[in-house]
PDB file of N, CA and C in Angstrom:
ATOM      1  N   MET A   1       1.147  -1.274  -0.113  1.00  0.00           N
ATOM      2  CA  MET A   1      -0.025  -0.050  -0.163  1.00  0.00           C
ATOM      3  C   MET A   1       0.954   1.235  -0.137  1.00  0.00           C
ATOM      4  N   TRP A   2       1.925   1.284   1.047  1.00  0.00           N
ATOM      5  CA  TRP A   2       2.855   2.402   0.803  1.00  0.00           C
ATOM      6  C   TRP A   2       3.560   2.282  -0.086  1.00  0.00           C
ATOM      7  N   ARG A   3       3.733   1.542  -1.079  1.00  0.00           N
ATOM      8  CA  ARG A   3       4.749   1.914  -2.483  1.00  0.00           C
ATOM      9  C   ARG A   3       3.751   2.582  -3.064  1.00  0.00           C
ATOM     10  N   THR A   4       2.818   2.157  -3.399  1.00  0.00           N
ATOM     11  CA  THR A   4       1.890   2.996  -4.509  1.00  0.00           C
ATOM     12  C   THR A   4       1.489   4.624  -3.939  1.00  0.00           C
ATOM     13  N   ARG A   5       1.552   4.727  -2.806  1.00  0.00           N
ATOM     14  CA  ARG A   5       1.273   5.726  -2.483  1.00  0.00           C
ATOM     15  C   ARG A   5       2.302   6.931  -2.369  1.00  0.00           C
ATOM     16  N   PHE A   6       3.496   6.252  -2.392  1.00  0.00           N
ATOM     17  CA  PHE A   6       4.762   7.161  -2.367  1.00  0.00           C
ATOM     18  C   PHE A   6       5.411   6.728  -3.772  1.00  0.00           C
ATOM     19  N   LYS A   7       4.870   6.070  -4.570  1.00  0.00           N
ATOM     20  CA  LYS A   7       5.602   5.878  -5.812  1.00  0.00           C
ATOM     21  C   LYS A   7       5.907   7.286  -6.771  1.00  0.00           C
ATOM     22  N   LEU A   8       5.236   7.967  -6.889  1.00  0.00           N
ATOM     23  CA  LEU A   8       5.057   9.382  -8.039  1.00  0.00           C
ATOM     24  C   LEU A   8       5.492  10.451  -6.944  1.00  0.00           C
ATOM     25  N   PRO A   9       5.756  10.635  -5.798  1.00  0.00           N
ATOM     26  CA  PRO A   9       6.256  11.912  -4.950  1.00  0.00           C
ATOM     27  C   PRO A   9       7.766  11.599  -5.319  1.00  0.00           C
ATOM     28  N   ILE A  10       7.952  10.442  -4.817  1.00  0.00           N
ATOM     29  CA  ILE A  10       9.747   9.481  -5.103  1.00  0.00           C
ATOM     30  C   ILE A  10      10.315   9.775  -6.555  1.00  0.00           C
ATOM     31  N   GLY A  11       9.556   9.236  -7.530  1.00  0.00           N
ATOM     32  CA  GLY A  11       9.818   9.763  -8.835  1.00  0.00           C
ATOM     33  C   GLY A  11       9.951  11.017  -9.340  1.00  0.00           C
ATOM     34  N   ILE A  12       8.935  12.137  -8.803  1.00  0.00           N
ATOM     35  CA  ILE A  12       9.374  13.292  -8.996  1.00  0.00           C
ATOM     36  C   ILE A  12      10.194  13.900  -8.310  1.00  0.00           C
ATOM     37  N   ALA A  13      10.658  13.658  -7.355  1.00  0.00           N
ATOM     38  CA  ALA A  13      11.767  14.095  -6.535  1.00  0.00           C
ATOM     39  C   ALA A  13      13.260  13.241  -7.349  1.00  0.00           C
ATOM     40  N   THR A  14      13.557  12.381  -7.700  1.00  0.00           N
ATOM     41  CA  THR A  14      14.057  11.998  -8.225  1.00  0.00           C
ATOM     42  C   THR A  14      14.533  12.675  -9.491  1.00  0.00           C
ATOM     43  N   ALA A  15      13.480  12.791 -10.324  1.00  0.00           N
ATOM     44  CA  ALA A  15      13.706  13.308 -11.498  1.00  0.00           C
ATOM     45  C   ALA A  15      14.206  14.802 -11.595  1.00  0.00           C
ATOM     46  N   LEU A  16      13.582  15.741 -10.021  1.00  0.00           N
ATOM     47  CA  LEU A  16      14.034  17.453 -10.039  1.00  0.00           C
ATOM     48  C   LEU A  16      15.591  17.267  -9.668  1.00  0.00           C
ATOM     49  N   MET A  17      15.854  16.167  -8.586  1.00  0.00           N
ATOM     50  CA  MET A  17      17.544  16.193  -8.269  1.00  0.00           C
ATOM     51  C   MET A  17      18.162  15.906  -9.199  1.00  0.00           C
ATOM     52  N   LEU A  18      17.817  14.918 -10.238  1.00  0.00           N
ATOM     53  CA  LEU A  18      18.836  14.741 -11.320  1.00  0.00           C
ATOM     54  C   LEU A  18      18.894  15.720 -12.417  1.00  0.00           C
ATOM     55  N   ALA A  19      17.560  16.642 -12.750  1.00  0.00           N
ATOM     56  CA  ALA A  19      17.616  17.735 -13.449  1.00  0.00           C
ATOM     57  C   ALA A  19      18.694  19.335 -12.786  1.00  0.00           C
ATOM     58  N   MET A  20      18.445  19.275 -11.358  1.00  0.00           N
ATOM     59  CA  MET A  20      19.014  20.005 -10.904  1.00  0.00           C
ATOM     60  C   MET A  20      20.644  19.943 -10.709  1.00  0.00           C
ATOM     61  N   THR A  21      21.302  18.689 -10.645  1.00  0.00           N
ATOM     62  CA  THR A  21      22.500  18.479 -10.379  1.00  0.00           C
ATOM     63  C   THR A  21      22.943  18.597 -12.042  1.00  0.00           C
ATOM     64  N   SER A  22      22.429  17.791 -12.873  1.00  0.00           N
ATOM     65  CA  SER A  22      23.083  17.518 -14.133  1.00  0.00           C
ATOM     66  C   SER A  22      23.046  19.150 -14.567  1.00  0.00           C
ATOM     67  N   MET A  23      22.195  20.280 -14.209  1.00  0.00           N
ATOM     68  CA  MET A  23      22.617  21.636 -14.623  1.00  0.00           C
ATOM     69  C   MET A  23      23.529  21.863 -14.199  1.00  0.00           C
ATOM     70  N   THR A  24      23.698  21.747 -12.625  1.00  0.00           N
ATOM     71  CA  THR A  24      25.084  22.458 -11.815  1.00  0.00           C
ATOM     72  C   THR A  24      26.089  22.019 -12.533  1.00  0.00           C
ATOM     73  N   MET A  25      26.168  20.726 -12.967  1.00  0.00           N
ATOM     74  CA  MET A  25      27.476  20.133 -13.968  1.00  0.00           C
ATOM     75  C   MET A  25      27.830  20.635 -14.745  1.00  0.00           C
ATOM     76  N   ALA A  26      26.843  20.977 -15.559  1.00  0.00           N
ATOM     77  CA  ALA A  26      26.775  21.950 -16.693  1.00  0.00           C
ATOM     78  C   ALA A  26      27.891  23.314 -16.784  1.00  0.00           C
ATOM     79  N   VAL A  27      27.147  23.868 -15.720  1.00  0.00           N
ATOM     80  CA  VAL A  27      27.626  25.135 -15.320  1.00  0.00           C
ATOM     81  C   VAL A  27      29.070  25.118 -14.984  1.00  0.00           C
ATOM     82  N   ALA A  28      29.070  24.169 -14.371  1.00  0.00           N
ATOM     83  CA  ALA A  28      30.783  23.707 -13.795  1.00  0.00           C
ATOM     84  C   ALA A  28      31.482  23.606 -14.839  1.00  0.00           C
ATOM     85  N   ARG A  29      31.577  22.826 -15.742  1.00  0.00           N
ATOM     86  CA  ARG A  29      32.368  22.485 -17.145  1.00  0.00           C
ATOM     87  C   ARG A  29      32.184  23.419 -18.209  1.00  0.00           C
ATOM     88  N   GLY A  30      31.220  23.911 -18.184  1.00  0.00           N
ATOM     89  CA  GLY A  30      31.237  25.234 -19.146  1.00  0.00           C
ATOM     90  C   GLY A  30      31.667  26.630 -18.311  1.00  0.00           C
ATOM     91  N   GLN A  31      32.464  26.613 -17.421  1.00  0.00           N
ATOM     92  CA  GLN A  31      33.113  27.991 -17.008  1.00  0.00           C
ATOM     93  C   GLN A  31      34.225  28.149 -17.614  1.00  0.00           C
ATOM     94  N   ALA A  32      34.448  29.543 -17.780  1.00  0.00           N
ATOM     95  CA  ALA A  32      35.802  30.162 -18.831  1.00  0.00           C
ATOM     96  C   ALA A  32      36.883  29.844 -17.748  1.00  0.00           C
ATOM     97  N   ARG A  33      37.953  29.330 -18.262  1.00  0.00           N
ATOM     98  CA  ARG A  33      39.090  29.765 -17.932  1.00  0.00           C
ATOM     99  C   ARG A  33      39.699  30.651 -17.094  1.00  0.00           C
ATOM    100  N   VAL A  34      40.413  30.868 -15.981  1.00  0.00           N
ATOM    101  CA  VAL A  34      40.719  31.915 -15.807  1.00  0.00           C
ATOM    102  C   VAL A  34      42.299  31.686 -15.749  1.00  0.00           C
ATOM    103  N   ALA A  35      43.003  32.506 -14.911  1.00  0.00           N
ATOM    104  CA  ALA A  35      44.910  32.818 -14.769  1.00  0.00           C
ATOM    105  C   ALA A  35      45.181  31.183 -14.448  1.00  0.00           C
ATOM    106  N   GLY A  36      44.178  31.032 -13.471  1.00  0.00           N
ATOM    107  CA  GLY A  36      44.693  29.483 -12.890  1.00  0.00           C
ATOM    108  C   GLY A  36      43.947  28.595 -12.239  1.00  0.00           C
ATOM    109  N   GLU A  37      43.834  27.602 -12.028  1.00  0.00           N
ATOM    110  CA  GLU A  37      43.496  26.927 -10.153  1.00  0.00           C
ATOM    111  C   GLU A  37      44.188  26.266  -9.557  1.00  0.00           C
ATOM    112  N   VAL A  38      43.671  26.472  -8.408  1.00  0.00           N
ATOM    113  CA  VAL A  38      44.445  25.556  -7.401  1.00  0.00           C
ATOM    114  C   VAL A  38      43.865  24.065  -7.010  1.00  0.00           C
ATOM    115  N   VAL A  39      44.122  23.127  -7.088  1.00  0.00           N
ATOM    116  CA  VAL A  39      43.554  22.080  -6.483  1.00  0.00           C
ATOM    117  C   VAL A  39      43.921  21.681  -4.687  1.00  0.00           C
ATOM    118  N   LEU A  40      42.998  21.720  -4.196  1.00  0.00           N
ATOM    119  CA  LEU A  40      43.142  21.487  -3.025  1.00  0.00           C
ATOM    120  C   LEU A  40      42.716  19.980  -2.509  1.00  0.00           C
ATOM    121  N   CYS A  41      43.682  18.961  -2.104  1.00  0.00           N
ATOM    122  CA  CYS A  41      42.914  17.688  -1.159  1.00  0.00           C
ATOM    123  C   CYS A  41      42.894  17.959   0.143  1.00  0.00           C
ATOM    124  N   THR A  42      41.467  17.900   0.592  1.00  0.00           N
ATOM    125  CA  THR A  42      41.175  17.887   1.825  1.00  0.00           C
ATOM    126  C   THR A  42      40.796  16.778   2.075  1.00  0.00           C
ATOM    127  N   GLY A  43      40.185  16.495   3.738  1.00  0.00           N
ATOM    128  CA  GLY A  43      39.962  15.221   4.516  1.00  0.00           C
ATOM    129  C   GLY A  43      38.454  15.050   3.496  1.00  0.00           C
ATOM    130  N   TYR A  44      37.834  15.830   2.966  1.00  0.00           N
ATOM    131  CA  TYR A  44      36.702  15.660   2.450  1.00  0.00           C
ATOM    132  C   TYR A  44      36.491  15.334   0.951  1.00  0.00           C
ATOM    133  N   GLY A  45      37.492  15.539   0.349  1.00  0.00           N
ATOM    134  CA  GLY A  45      37.971  15.125  -0.824  1.00  0.00           C
ATOM    135  C   GLY A  45      38.672  16.477  -2.043  1.00  0.00           C
ATOM    136  N   VAL A  46      38.374  16.214  -2.967  1.00  0.00           N
ATOM    137  CA  VAL A  46      39.150  17.062  -3.871  1.00  0.00           C
ATOM    138  C   VAL A  46      38.368  18.384  -4.299  1.00  0.00           C
ATOM    139  N   THR A  47      38.895  19.452  -3.785  1.00  0.00           N
ATOM    140  CA  THR A  47      38.531  21.006  -4.204  1.00  0.00           C
ATOM    141  C   THR A  47      39.204  21.654  -5.426  1.00  0.00           C
ATOM    142  N   THR A  48      38.597  22.629  -6.659  1.00  0.00           N
ATOM    143  CA  THR A  48      39.157  23.100  -7.493  1.00  0.00           C
ATOM    144  C   THR A  48      38.966  24.636  -7.359  1.00  0.00           C
ATOM    145  N   VAL A  49      39.838  25.686  -6.814  1.00  0.00           N
ATOM    146  CA  VAL A  49      39.355  26.960  -6.738  1.00  0.00           C
ATOM    147  C   VAL A  49      40.331  27.559  -7.638  1.00  0.00           C
ATOM    148  N   SER A  50      39.322  28.389  -8.462  1.00  0.00           N
ATOM    149  CA  SER A  50      40.096  29.316  -9.691  1.00  0.00           C
ATOM    150  C   SER A  50      40.477  30.786  -9.120  1.00  0.00           C
ATOM    151  N   VAL A  51      41.746  30.588  -9.452  1.00  0.00           N
ATOM    152  CA  VAL A  51      42.524  32.135  -9.134  1.00  0.00           C
ATOM    153  C   VAL A  51      42.881  33.113 -10.346  1.00  0.00           C
ATOM    154  N   ASP A  52      42.927  34.308 -10.124  1.00  0.00           N
ATOM    155  CA  ASP A  52      43.379  35.250 -10.684  1.00  0.00           C
ATOM    156  C   ASP A  52      45.035  35.485 -11.336  1.00  0.00           C
ATOM    157  N   ALA A  53      45.342  36.325 -11.985  1.00  0.00           N
ATOM    158  CA  ALA A  53      47.276  36.462 -12.261  1.00  0.00           C
ATOM    159  C   ALA A  53      47.410  36.854 -10.841  1.00  0.00           C
ATOM    160  N   GLU A  54      47.137  37.382 -10.065  1.00  0.00           N
ATOM    161  CA  GLU A  54      47.871  37.525  -8.587  1.00  0.00           C
ATOM    162  C   GLU A  54      47.892  36.706  -7.658  1.00  0.00           C
ATOM    163  N   GLY A  55      46.757  35.600  -7.764  1.00  0.00           N
ATOM    164  CA  GLY A  55      46.380  34.409  -6.850  1.00  0.00           C
ATOM    165  C   GLY A  55      45.427  34.836  -5.883  1.00  0.00           C
ATOM    166  N   ASN A  56      44.544  35.577  -6.347  1.00  0.00           N
ATOM    167  CA  ASN A  56      43.334  35.817  -5.648  1.00  0.00           C
ATOM    168  C   ASN A  56      42.300  35.081  -6.128  1.00  0.00           C
ATOM    169  N   PRO A  57      41.236  34.167  -5.328  1.00  0.00           N
ATOM    170  CA  PRO A  57      40.180  33.333  -5.696  1.00  0.00           C
ATOM    171  C   PRO A  57      39.266  34.297  -6.491  1.00  0.00           C
ATOM    172  N   THR A  58      38.784  33.816  -7.663  1.00  0.00           N
ATOM    173  CA  THR A  58      37.833  34.435  -8.068  1.00  0.00           C
ATOM    174  C   THR A  58      36.384  34.298  -7.969  1.00  0.00           C
ATOM    175  N   GLY A  59      36.049  33.086  -7.689  1.00  0.00           N
ATOM    176  CA  GLY A  59      34.819  32.605  -7.355  1.00  0.00           C
ATOM    177  C   GLY A  59      34.711  31.585  -6.545  1.00  0.00           C
ATOM    178  N   PRO A  60      33.074  31.277  -6.145  1.00  0.00           N
ATOM    179  CA  PRO A  60      33.239  29.661  -4.960  1.00  0.00           C
ATOM    180  C   PRO A  60      34.027  28.653  -5.787  1.00  0.00           C
ATOM    181  N   ALA A  61      34.571  27.822  -4.543  1.00  0.00           N
ATOM    182  CA  ALA A  61      35.228  26.460  -5.050  1.00  0.00           C
ATOM    183  C   ALA A  61      34.248  25.696  -5.523  1.00  0.00           C
ATOM    184  N   HIS A  62      34.040  24.450  -6.239  1.00  0.00           N
ATOM    185  CA  HIS A  62      33.563  23.437  -6.655  1.00  0.00           C
ATOM    186  C   HIS A  62      34.310  22.211  -6.669  1.00  0.00           C
ATOM    187  N   ILE A  63      33.685  21.272  -6.118  1.00  0.00           N
ATOM    188  CA  ILE A  63      34.280  20.199  -5.989  1.00  0.00           C
ATOM    189  C   ILE A  63      34.202  19.235  -7.192  1.00  0.00           C
ATOM    190  N   CYS A  64      35.492  18.680  -7.319  1.00  0.00           N
ATOM    191  CA  CYS A  64      35.484  17.922  -8.423  1.00  0.00           C
ATOM    192  C   CYS A  64      34.965  16.784  -8.659  1.00  0.00           C
ATOM    193  N   SER A  65      34.845  16.101  -9.696  1.00  0.00           N
ATOM    194  CA  SER A  65      34.172  15.022  -9.531  1.00  0.00           C
ATOM    195  C   SER A  65      34.942  13.653  -9.239  1.00  0.00           C
ATOM    196  N   ASP A  66      34.795  12.601  -8.958  1.00  0.00           N
ATOM    197  CA  ASP A  66      36.041  11.398  -8.566  1.00  0.00           C
ATOM    198  C   ASP A  66      36.282  11.005  -9.873  1.00  0.00           C
ATOM    199  N   MET A  67      37.697  10.396  -9.841  1.00  0.00           N
ATOM    200  CA  MET A  67      38.480   9.917 -10.840  1.00  0.00           C
ATOM    201  C   MET A  67      38.933  10.908 -12.315  1.00  0.00           C
ATOM    202  N   VAL A  68      38.351  12.145 -12.177  1.00  0.00           N
ATOM    203  CA  VAL A  68      38.764  13.090 -13.447  1.00  0.00           C
ATOM    204  C   VAL A  68      40.581  13.467 -13.202  1.00  0.00           C
ATOM    205  N   LEU A  69      40.689  13.180 -11.667  1.00  0.00           N
ATOM    206  CA  LEU A  69      42.346  13.705 -12.024  1.00  0.00           C
ATOM    207  C   LEU A  69      43.041  12.430 -12.506  1.00  0.00           C
ATOM    208  N   ALA A  70      42.266  11.365 -12.556  1.00  0.00           N
ATOM    209  CA  ALA A  70      43.406  10.178 -12.901  1.00  0.00           C
ATOM    210  C   ALA A  70      43.330  10.005 -14.407  1.00  0.00           C
ATOM    211  N   MET A  71      42.080  10.528 -14.902  1.00  0.00           N
ATOM    212  CA  MET A  71      42.055  10.552 -16.450  1.00  0.00           C
ATOM    213  C   MET A  71      42.947  11.734 -16.846  1.00  0.00           C
ATOM    214  N   MET A  72      43.424  12.587 -16.159  1.00  0.00           N
ATOM    215  CA  MET A  72      44.356  13.562 -16.643  1.00  0.00           C
ATOM    216  C   MET A  72      45.382  12.845 -16.469  1.00  0.00           C
ATOM    217  N   ALA A  73      45.619  12.176 -15.356  1.00  0.00           N
ATOM    218  CA  ALA A  73      47.049  11.847 -15.167  1.00  0.00           C
ATOM    219  C   ALA A  73      47.567  10.766 -16.140  1.00  0.00           C
ATOM    220  N   ALA A  74      46.629  10.394 -17.112  1.00  0.00           N
ATOM    221  CA  ALA A  74      47.163   9.392 -17.736  1.00  0.00           C
ATOM    222  C   ALA A  74      47.397  10.066 -19.299  1.00  0.00           C
ATOM    223  N   VAL A  75      46.932  11.116 -19.551  1.00  0.00           N
ATOM    224  CA  VAL A  75      47.486  12.056 -20.536  1.00  0.00           C
ATOM    225  C   VAL A  75      48.808  12.527 -20.572  1.00  0.00           C
ATOM    226  N   THR A  76      49.534  12.789 -18.978  1.00  0.00           N
ATOM    227  CA  THR A  76      50.645  13.487 -19.011  1.00  0.00           C
ATOM    228  C   THR A  76      51.858  12.547 -19.302  1.00  0.00           C
ATOM    229  N   LEU A  77      52.693  13.035 -19.995  1.00  0.00           N
ATOM    230  CA  LEU A  77      54.180  11.979 -19.900  1.00  0.00           C
ATOM    231  C   LEU A  77      54.771  11.904 -18.588  1.00  0.00           C
ATOM    232  N   ALA A  78      55.262  10.682 -19.555  1.00  0.00           N
ATOM    233  CA  ALA A  78      55.974   9.704 -18.071  1.00  0.00           C
ATOM    234  C   ALA A  78      57.161  10.588 -17.614  1.00  0.00           C
ATOM    235  N   PRO A  79      57.429  10.777 -16.699  1.00  0.00           N
ATOM    236  CA  PRO A  79      58.521  11.140 -16.067  1.00  0.00           C
ATOM    237  C   PRO A  79      59.952  10.512 -16.563  1.00  0.00           C
ATOM    238  N   ALA A  80      61.094  11.412 -16.747  1.00  0.00           N
ATOM    239  CA  ALA A  80      62.180  10.733 -17.137  1.00  0.00           C
ATOM    240  C   ALA A  80      62.921   9.752 -16.196  1.00  0.00           C
ATOM    241  N   LEU A  81      63.360   8.847 -16.656  1.00  0.00           N
ATOM    242  CA  LEU A  81      63.969   7.862 -15.825  1.00  0.00           C
ATOM    243  C   LEU A  81      65.448   8.573 -15.384  1.00  0.00           C
ATOM    244  N   PRO A  82      65.730   8.350 -14.204  1.00  0.00           N
ATOM    245  CA  PRO A  82      67.301   8.429 -13.676  1.00  0.00           C
ATOM    246  C   PRO A  82      68.389   8.102 -14.251  1.00  0.00           C
ATOM    247  N   THR A  83      69.460   8.800 -14.474  1.00  0.00           N
ATOM    248  CA  THR A  83      70.364   7.905 -14.874  1.00  0.00           C
ATOM    249  C   THR A  83      71.471   7.317 -13.822  1.00  0.00           C
ATOM    250  N   PRO A  84      72.017   6.318 -14.485  1.00  0.00           N
ATOM    251  CA  PRO A  84      72.945   5.904 -13.402  1.00  0.00           C
ATOM    252  C   PRO A  84      73.987   6.587 -13.150  1.00  0.00           C
ATOM    253  N   PRO A  85      74.468   6.302 -11.850  1.00  0.00           N
ATOM    254  CA  PRO A  85      75.605   7.458 -11.726  1.00  0.00           C
ATOM    255  C   PRO A  85      76.890   7.313 -12.160  1.00  0.00           C
ATOM    256  N   GLN A  86      77.325   8.016 -12.986  1.00  0.00           N
ATOM    257  CA  GLN A  86      78.851   7.796 -13.590  1.00  0.00           C
ATOM    258  C   GLN A  86      80.121   8.073 -12.751  1.00  0.00           C
ATOM    259  N   GLY A  87      80.875   6.874 -12.413  1.00  0.00           N
ATOM    260  CA  GLY A  87      81.924   6.834 -11.513  1.00  0.00           C
ATOM    261  C   GLY A  87      82.900   5.842 -11.744  1.00  0.00           C
ATOM    262  N   GLU A  88      84.131   5.738 -10.739  1.00  0.00           N
ATOM    263  CA  GLU A  88      84.956   4.934 -11.321  1.00  0.00           C
ATOM    264  C   GLU A  88      85.024   3.751 -10.606  1.00  0.00           C
ATOM    265  N   GLY A  89      84.933   2.491 -11.460  1.00  0.00           N
ATOM    266  CA  GLY A  89      84.774   1.070 -11.175  1.00  0.00           C
ATOM    267  C   GLY A  89      85.921   0.268 -10.694  1.00  0.00           C
ATOM    268  N   ARG A  90      85.752  -0.306  -9.237  1.00  0.00           N
ATOM    269  CA  ARG A  90      86.675  -1.192  -9.325  1.00  0.00           C
ATOM    270  C   ARG A  90      86.458  -2.787  -8.736  1.00  0.00           C
ATOM    271  N   SER A  91      87.348  -3.614  -9.267  1.00  0.00           N
ATOM    272  CA  SER A  91      86.665  -4.993  -8.959  1.00  0.00           C
ATOM    273  C   SER A  91      87.061  -5.127  -7.193  1.00  0.00           C
ATOM    274  N   VAL A  92      86.395  -6.253  -6.915  1.00  0.00           N
ATOM    275  CA  VAL A  92      86.408  -6.775  -5.166  1.00  0.00           C
ATOM    276  C   VAL A  92      86.568  -8.230  -5.489  1.00  0.00           C
ATOM    277  N   GLU A  93      87.809  -8.483  -4.614  1.00  0.00           N
ATOM    278  CA  GLU A  93      88.001 -10.193  -4.542  1.00  0.00           C
ATOM    279  C   GLU A  93      87.371 -10.617  -3.632  1.00  0.00           C
ATOM    280  N   THR A  94      86.607 -11.853  -3.641  1.00  0.00           N
ATOM    281  CA  THR A  94      86.073 -12.508  -3.230  1.00  0.00           C
ATOM    282  C   THR A  94      86.995 -13.456  -2.539  1.00  0.00           C
ATOM    283  N   VAL A  95      86.669 -13.977  -1.065  1.00  0.00           N
ATOM    284  CA  VAL A  95      87.589 -14.900  -0.592  1.00  0.00           C
ATOM    285  C   VAL A  95      86.477 -16.365  -0.516  1.00  0.00           C
ATOM    286  N   GLU A  96      86.788 -17.499  -0.978  1.00  0.00           N
ATOM    287  CA  GLU A  96      86.003 -18.852  -1.239  1.00  0.00           C
ATOM    288  C   GLU A  96      85.857 -19.191   0.253  1.00  0.00           C
ATOM    289  N   PRO A  97      85.011 -19.704   0.740  1.00  0.00           N
ATOM    290  CA  PRO A  97      85.335 -20.446   2.195  1.00  0.00           C
ATOM    291  C   PRO A  97      85.668 -21.920   1.772  1.00  0.00           C
ATOM    292  N   GLU A  98      86.340 -22.778   3.102  1.00  0.00           N
ATOM    293  CA  GLU A  98      86.532 -23.611   2.534  1.00  0.00           C
ATOM    294  C   GLU A  98      85.322 -24.861   2.384  1.00  0.00           C
ATOM    295  N   THR A  99      85.883 -25.963   1.741  1.00  0.00           N
ATOM    296  CA  THR A  99      84.867 -27.107   1.891  1.00  0.00           C
ATOM    297  C   THR A  99      84.645 -27.789   2.505  1.00  0.00           C
ATOM    298  N   ALA A 100      83.596 -28.407   2.842  1.00  0.00           N
ATOM    299  CA  ALA A 100      83.477 -29.291   3.892  1.00  0.00           C
ATOM    300  C   ALA A 100      83.835 -30.583   3.425  1.00  0.00           C
ATOM    301  N   GLN A 101      84.151 -31.669   4.870  1.00  0.00           N
ATOM    302  CA  GLN A 101      84.714 -32.475   4.312  1.00  0.00           C
ATOM    303  C   GLN A 101      83.240 -33.425   4.418  1.00  0.00           C
ATOM    304  N   ALA A 102      83.051 -34.849   3.591  1.00  0.00           N
ATOM    305  CA  ALA A 102      82.240 -35.888   3.673  1.00  0.00           C
ATOM    306  C   ALA A 102      82.937 -36.773   4.613  1.00  0.00           C
ATOM    307  N   GLN A 103      82.111 -37.581   5.297  1.00  0.00           N
ATOM    308  CA  GLN A 103      81.941 -38.981   5.793  1.00  0.00           C
ATOM    309  C   GLN A 103      82.469 -39.796   4.821  1.00  0.00           C
ATOM    310  N   ALA A 104      83.160 -40.715   5.087  1.00  0.00           N
ATOM    311  CA  ALA A 104      84.058 -41.760   4.191  1.00  0.00           C
ATOM    312  C   ALA A 104      82.766 -42.544   4.188  1.00  0.00           C
ATOM    313  N   VAL A 105      82.122 -43.411   5.034  1.00  0.00           N
ATOM    314  CA  VAL A 105      81.066 -44.389   5.146  1.00  0.00           C
ATOM    315  C   VAL A 105      79.619 -44.043   5.832  1.00  0.00           C
ATOM    316  N   VAL A 106      78.779 -44.226   5.479  1.00  0.00           N
ATOM    317  CA  VAL A 106      77.266 -43.856   6.095  1.00  0.00           C
ATOM    318  C   VAL A 106      77.127 -45.436   6.715  1.00  0.00           C
ATOM    319  N   VAL A 107      76.487 -45.167   8.047  1.00  0.00           N
ATOM    320  CA  VAL A 107      76.625 -46.345   8.402  1.00  0.00           C
ATOM    321  C   VAL A 107      74.716 -46.363   8.510  1.00  0.00           C
ATOM    322  N   PRO A 108      73.984 -47.379   8.131  1.00  0.00           N
ATOM    323  CA  PRO A 108      73.008 -47.480   8.067  1.00  0.00           C
ATOM    324  C   PRO A 108      72.230 -47.647   9.420  1.00  0.00           C
ATOM    325  N   ARG A 109      71.221 -46.745   9.764  1.00  0.00           N
ATOM    326  CA  ARG A 109      70.741 -46.858  11.265  1.00  0.00           C
ATOM    327  C   ARG A 109      69.180 -47.455  11.210  1.00  0.00           C
ATOM    328  N   ALA A 110      69.043 -48.308  10.439  1.00  0.00           N
ATOM    329  CA  ALA A 110      67.265 -48.590  10.482  1.00  0.00           C
ATOM    330  C   ALA A 110      66.959 -49.315  11.380  1.00  0.00           C
ATOM    331  N   ARG A 111      65.923 -49.595  11.980  1.00  0.00           N
ATOM    332  CA  ARG A 111      65.177 -50.080  12.644  1.00  0.00           C
ATOM    333  C   ARG A 111      64.109 -50.900  12.360  1.00  0.00           C
ATOM    334  N   GLY A 112      63.775 -52.180  13.218  1.00  0.00           N
ATOM    335  CA  GLY A 112      62.815 -52.976  12.822  1.00  0.00           C
ATOM    336  C   GLY A 112      60.932 -52.770  12.571  1.00  0.00           C
ATOM    337  N   PRO A 113      60.310 -52.948  12.505  1.00  0.00           N
ATOM    338  CA  PRO A 113      58.743 -52.746  12.324  1.00  0.00           C
ATOM    339  C   PRO A 113      58.445 -52.867  14.144  1.00  0.00           C
ATOM    340  N   PRO A 114      57.645 -52.120  14.532  1.00  0.00           N
ATOM    341  CA  PRO A 114      57.067 -52.010  15.882  1.00  0.00           C
ATOM    342  C   PRO A 114      56.502 -53.517  15.952  1.00  0.00           C
ATOM    343  N   VAL A 115      56.729 -53.803  17.495  1.00  0.00           N
ATOM    344  CA  VAL A 115      56.126 -55.430  17.765  1.00  0.00           C
ATOM    345  C   VAL A 115      54.540 -55.264  18.117  1.00  0.00           C
ATOM    346  N   THR A 116      53.841 -56.116  18.056  1.00  0.00           N
ATOM    347  CA  THR A 116      52.665 -55.691  17.974  1.00  0.00           C
ATOM    348  C   THR A 116      52.054 -56.778  19.571  1.00  0.00           C
ATOM    349  N   VAL A 117      51.529 -56.047  20.277  1.00  0.00           N
ATOM    350  CA  VAL A 117      50.975 -56.337  21.745  1.00  0.00           C
ATOM    351  C   VAL A 117      49.618 -57.155  21.519  1.00  0.00           C
TER     352      VAL A 117
END
């Protein structure tokens, strides 16, 4: 009974929330680029703040979507590998350990099966 009563209001609320959030994302993506952006990693997520040429914030901060920064990282070039150090090589002598002596004859030490009681 309660499902049929709340089906229409829940559907309308979901449609309105989807429409409002999609407009917000469209506005955020369509913003004109200013002098730069500062990406702040906080305990609540990643926040991007637009700044002007002097470094002053120009507008309200908006929260970046998850995994957007990972997609930008896939486009960047890989960092250059470090070069090995150039130096003078020297050889180091190793001392071989003395070998162990084996026994001349191995004495068998087997025993018989246990006695049944």
